[in-house]
Amino acid sequence: MQVAVAYADPVQQVWLRIEVPEDATLEQAIIQSGLLRQFPEIDLTERQVGIFGKLAKLDAPLKPGDRVEIYRPIIADPATVPRRQMADDDDDD
């Protein structure tokens, strides 16, 4: 079956369509995609992963067409970003 595996670092985004066995898990798809070799900083014991934007465990079974995602740690509190952007806009006056 065909699934997609997606990962984005601060410099680039990677989106791969790969063929996996019918009984493949999320972890198997990530390994098969080659992203762990391409981005050695990815540690699946520390990173969160998901399917179509919803957190999932590495042993989650996949369905045809699923999009497997590897998430980066959040480096800014999302609740403060709009406030920071508004403060930056005020500086332009």
N, C-alpha and C. Protein backbone atom coordinates (compact mmCIF):
# COMPACT_ATOMS: atom_id res chain seq x y z
N MET A 1 0.85 -1.17 0.00
CA MET A 1 0.00 0.00 0.00
C MET A 1 0.89 1.23 0.00
N GLN A 2 0.35 2.32 -0.47
CA GLN A 2 1.11 3.56 -0.55
C GLN A 2 0.74 4.50 0.59
N VAL A 3 1.78 5.06 1.24
CA VAL A 3 1.59 6.07 2.29
C VAL A 3 2.60 7.19 2.02
N ALA A 4 2.42 8.30 2.72
CA ALA A 4 3.36 9.41 2.63
C ALA A 4 4.02 9.58 3.99
N VAL A 5 5.28 10.02 3.97
CA VAL A 5 6.01 10.32 5.19
C VAL A 5 6.52 11.75 5.06
N ALA A 6 6.24 12.57 6.07
CA ALA A 6 6.59 13.99 6.01
C ALA A 6 7.42 14.40 7.23
N TYR A 7 8.41 15.27 6.95
CA TYR A 7 9.23 15.84 8.02
C TYR A 7 9.73 17.20 7.53
N ALA A 8 9.77 18.15 8.43
CA ALA A 8 10.30 19.47 8.08
C ALA A 8 11.28 19.90 9.16
N ASP A 9 12.47 20.29 8.75
CA ASP A 9 13.40 20.91 9.68
C ASP A 9 13.40 22.40 9.37
N PRO A 10 14.15 23.22 10.09
CA PRO A 10 14.09 24.66 9.84
C PRO A 10 14.51 25.07 8.43
N VAL A 11 15.21 24.20 7.71
CA VAL A 11 15.74 24.56 6.40
C VAL A 11 14.94 23.97 5.24
N GLN A 12 14.44 22.75 5.42
CA GLN A 12 13.78 22.09 4.30
C GLN A 12 12.62 21.22 4.76
N GLN A 13 11.74 20.93 3.80
CA GLN A 13 10.62 20.04 4.04
C GLN A 13 10.77 18.84 3.13
N VAL A 14 10.46 17.67 3.68
CA VAL A 14 10.54 16.44 2.89
C VAL A 14 9.19 15.75 2.96
N TRP A 15 8.70 15.37 1.80
CA TRP A 15 7.43 14.65 1.68
C TRP A 15 7.69 13.51 0.71
N LEU A 16 7.63 12.29 1.21
CA LEU A 16 7.92 11.12 0.39
C LEU A 16 6.71 10.21 0.30
N ARG A 17 6.45 9.71 -0.89
CA ARG A 17 5.43 8.67 -1.06
C ARG A 17 6.20 7.36 -1.16
N ILE A 18 5.81 6.42 -0.32
CA ILE A 18 6.51 5.13 -0.33
C ILE A 18 5.50 3.99 -0.33
N GLU A 19 5.96 2.85 -0.76
CA GLU A 19 5.17 1.63 -0.77
C GLU A 19 5.58 0.81 0.45
N VAL A 20 4.61 0.42 1.27
CA VAL A 20 4.89 -0.37 2.47
C VAL A 20 3.99 -1.60 2.46
N PRO A 21 4.37 -2.63 3.24
CA PRO A 21 3.50 -3.82 3.32
C PRO A 21 2.15 -3.47 3.93
N GLU A 22 1.15 -4.28 3.64
CA GLU A 22 -0.21 -4.03 4.12
C GLU A 22 -0.30 -3.96 5.64
N ASP A 23 0.59 -4.63 6.35
CA ASP A 23 0.54 -4.65 7.82
C ASP A 23 1.57 -3.70 8.45
N ALA A 24 2.02 -2.72 7.70
CA ALA A 24 3.07 -1.81 8.17
C ALA A 24 2.59 -0.93 9.32
N THR A 25 3.55 -0.61 10.20
CA THR A 25 3.27 0.31 11.30
C THR A 25 3.88 1.67 10.96
N LEU A 26 3.52 2.64 11.77
CA LEU A 26 4.05 3.99 11.61
C LEU A 26 5.59 3.97 11.66
N GLU A 27 6.16 3.28 12.63
CA GLU A 27 7.61 3.20 12.76
C GLU A 27 8.25 2.55 11.54
N GLN A 28 7.67 1.48 11.04
CA GLN A 28 8.22 0.80 9.87
C GLN A 28 8.24 1.72 8.66
N ALA A 29 7.20 2.53 8.49
CA ALA A 29 7.15 3.45 7.36
C ALA A 29 8.25 4.51 7.48
N ILE A 30 8.46 5.02 8.70
CA ILE A 30 9.51 6.03 8.90
C ILE A 30 10.87 5.43 8.58
N ILE A 31 11.14 4.23 9.07
CA ILE A 31 12.42 3.58 8.81
C ILE A 31 12.59 3.33 7.31
N GLN A 32 11.56 2.80 6.69
CA GLN A 32 11.64 2.49 5.25
C GLN A 32 11.82 3.75 4.40
N SER A 33 11.33 4.88 4.87
CA SER A 33 11.42 6.13 4.10
C SER A 33 12.85 6.63 3.95
N GLY A 34 13.74 6.23 4.86
CA GLY A 34 15.12 6.71 4.80
C GLY A 34 15.34 8.04 5.50
N LEU A 35 14.30 8.61 6.09
CA LEU A 35 14.44 9.91 6.75
C LEU A 35 15.38 9.86 7.96
N LEU A 36 15.46 8.71 8.63
CA LEU A 36 16.35 8.61 9.78
C LEU A 36 17.82 8.68 9.36
N ARG A 37 18.11 8.23 8.15
CA ARG A 37 19.49 8.35 7.63
C ARG A 37 19.74 9.77 7.14
N GLN A 38 18.74 10.37 6.51
CA GLN A 38 18.87 11.72 5.97
C GLN A 38 18.94 12.77 7.08
N PHE A 39 18.23 12.53 8.18
CA PHE A 39 18.20 13.47 9.31
C PHE A 39 18.58 12.71 10.58
N PRO A 40 19.87 12.50 10.82
CA PRO A 40 20.30 11.71 11.98
C PRO A 40 19.90 12.31 13.32
N GLU A 41 19.51 13.58 13.34
CA GLU A 41 19.08 14.21 14.59
C GLU A 41 17.70 13.72 15.05
N ILE A 42 16.97 13.02 14.19
CA ILE A 42 15.66 12.50 14.57
C ILE A 42 15.86 11.29 15.47
N ASP A 43 15.35 11.39 16.69
CA ASP A 43 15.39 10.29 17.64
C ASP A 43 13.94 9.92 17.95
N LEU A 44 13.51 8.78 17.44
CA LEU A 44 12.11 8.39 17.59
C LEU A 44 11.72 8.11 19.04
N THR A 45 12.70 7.95 19.94
CA THR A 45 12.36 7.77 21.35
C THR A 45 12.01 9.10 22.00
N GLU A 46 12.39 10.22 21.35
CA GLU A 46 12.11 11.55 21.90
C GLU A 46 11.10 12.34 21.08
N ARG A 47 11.00 12.08 19.80
CA ARG A 47 10.10 12.85 18.93
C ARG A 47 8.70 12.31 18.99
N GLN A 48 7.74 13.20 18.82
CA GLN A 48 6.36 12.77 18.67
C GLN A 48 6.10 12.53 17.20
N VAL A 49 5.22 11.60 16.92
CA VAL A 49 4.85 11.26 15.55
C VAL A 49 3.33 11.19 15.47
N GLY A 50 2.84 11.24 14.25
CA GLY A 50 1.40 11.17 14.09
C GLY A 50 0.99 10.77 12.69
N ILE A 51 -0.31 10.70 12.53
CA ILE A 51 -0.92 10.39 11.23
C ILE A 51 -1.96 11.47 10.97
N PHE A 52 -1.80 12.19 9.87
CA PHE A 52 -2.72 13.27 9.50
C PHE A 52 -2.93 14.27 10.65
N GLY A 53 -1.85 14.66 11.32
CA GLY A 53 -1.94 15.70 12.34
C GLY A 53 -2.41 15.24 13.71
N LYS A 54 -2.63 13.96 13.88
CA LYS A 54 -3.06 13.44 15.19
C LYS A 54 -1.95 12.56 15.74
N LEU A 55 -1.58 12.82 17.00
CA LEU A 55 -0.52 12.03 17.61
C LEU A 55 -0.85 10.55 17.57
N ALA A 56 0.17 9.74 17.33
CA ALA A 56 0.00 8.29 17.27
C ALA A 56 1.25 7.63 17.84
N LYS A 57 1.10 6.39 18.20
CA LYS A 57 2.24 5.61 18.71
C LYS A 57 2.98 4.99 17.53
N LEU A 58 4.24 4.65 17.77
CA LEU A 58 5.06 4.08 16.70
C LEU A 58 4.51 2.75 16.19
N ASP A 59 3.77 2.03 17.03
CA ASP A 59 3.25 0.74 16.59
C ASP A 59 1.84 0.84 15.97
N ALA A 60 1.39 2.07 15.71
CA ALA A 60 0.06 2.26 15.11
C ALA A 60 0.04 1.68 13.69
N PRO A 61 -0.98 0.91 13.38
CA PRO A 61 -1.08 0.36 12.02
C PRO A 61 -1.46 1.46 11.03
N LEU A 62 -1.00 1.31 9.81
CA LEU A 62 -1.28 2.29 8.77
C LEU A 62 -2.37 1.79 7.83
N LYS A 63 -3.03 2.75 7.20
CA LYS A 63 -4.03 2.45 6.18
C LYS A 63 -3.55 3.06 4.86
N PRO A 64 -4.01 2.56 3.74
CA PRO A 64 -3.60 3.14 2.46
C PRO A 64 -3.88 4.64 2.42
N GLY A 65 -2.90 5.40 1.96
CA GLY A 65 -3.05 6.84 1.81
C GLY A 65 -2.73 7.65 3.05
N ASP A 66 -2.39 7.00 4.17
CA ASP A 66 -2.06 7.74 5.39
C ASP A 66 -0.85 8.64 5.18
N ARG A 67 -0.82 9.77 5.91
CA ARG A 67 0.34 10.66 5.92
C ARG A 67 0.97 10.57 7.30
N VAL A 68 2.15 9.96 7.34
CA VAL A 68 2.92 9.81 8.57
C VAL A 68 3.73 11.09 8.76
N GLU A 69 3.69 11.64 9.97
CA GLU A 69 4.39 12.91 10.24
C GLU A 69 5.32 12.75 11.43
N ILE A 70 6.51 13.33 11.31
CA ILE A 70 7.47 13.37 12.41
C ILE A 70 7.50 14.82 12.87
N TYR A 71 7.21 15.05 14.14
CA TYR A 71 7.11 16.42 14.65
C TYR A 71 8.39 16.87 15.31
N ARG A 72 8.69 18.16 15.15
CA ARG A 72 9.84 18.77 15.83
C ARG A 72 9.35 19.33 17.16
N PRO A 73 10.27 19.47 18.12
CA PRO A 73 9.87 20.08 19.39
C PRO A 73 9.45 21.54 19.17
N ILE A 74 8.50 21.99 19.95
CA ILE A 74 8.06 23.38 19.88
C ILE A 74 9.11 24.23 20.58
N ILE A 75 9.56 25.28 19.89
CA ILE A 75 10.58 26.14 20.49
C ILE A 75 10.00 27.47 20.96
N ALA A 76 8.74 27.72 20.66
CA ALA A 76 8.06 28.93 21.11
C ALA A 76 6.66 28.55 21.58
N ASP A 77 6.18 29.21 22.60
CA ASP A 77 4.84 28.96 23.08
C ASP A 77 3.85 29.53 22.06
N PRO A 78 3.04 28.68 21.42
CA PRO A 78 2.12 29.17 20.37
C PRO A 78 1.19 30.27 20.87
N ALA A 79 0.88 30.27 22.14
CA ALA A 79 -0.02 31.29 22.68
C ALA A 79 0.61 32.67 22.69
N THR A 80 1.95 32.74 22.71
CA THR A 80 2.61 34.05 22.76
C THR A 80 2.97 34.58 21.39
N VAL A 81 2.96 33.75 20.38
CA VAL A 81 3.36 34.19 19.04
C VAL A 81 2.49 35.34 18.52
N PRO A 82 1.14 35.25 18.59
CA PRO A 82 0.34 36.39 18.10
C PRO A 82 0.65 37.68 18.87
N ARG A 83 0.89 37.57 20.18
CA ARG A 83 1.21 38.76 20.96
C ARG A 83 2.53 39.37 20.51
N ARG A 84 3.50 38.52 20.24
CA ARG A 84 4.79 39.01 19.76
C ARG A 84 4.65 39.68 18.40
N GLN A 85 3.86 39.08 17.53
CA GLN A 85 3.67 39.65 16.20
C GLN A 85 2.97 41.00 16.29
N MET A 86 1.98 41.12 17.18
CA MET A 86 1.29 42.39 17.35
C MET A 86 2.25 43.43 17.91
N ALA A 87 3.11 43.04 18.83
CA ALA A 87 4.09 43.97 19.41
C ALA A 87 5.06 44.43 18.33
N ASP A 88 5.47 43.53 17.45
CA ASP A 88 6.36 43.90 16.34
C ASP A 88 5.69 44.87 15.40
N ASP A 89 4.38 44.69 15.15
CA ASP A 89 3.64 45.60 14.28
C ASP A 89 3.56 47.00 14.90
N ASP A 90 3.43 47.06 16.22
CA ASP A 90 3.36 48.37 16.91
C ASP A 90 4.67 49.13 16.79
N ASP A 91 5.78 48.42 16.65
CA ASP A 91 7.08 49.06 16.54
C ASP A 91 7.24 49.81 15.23
N ASP A 92 6.43 49.46 14.22
CA ASP A 92 6.55 50.06 12.89
C ASP A 92 6.02 51.49 12.84
N ASP A 93 5.26 51.92 13.84
CA ASP A 93 4.65 53.25 13.81
C ASP A 93 5.66 54.35 13.95
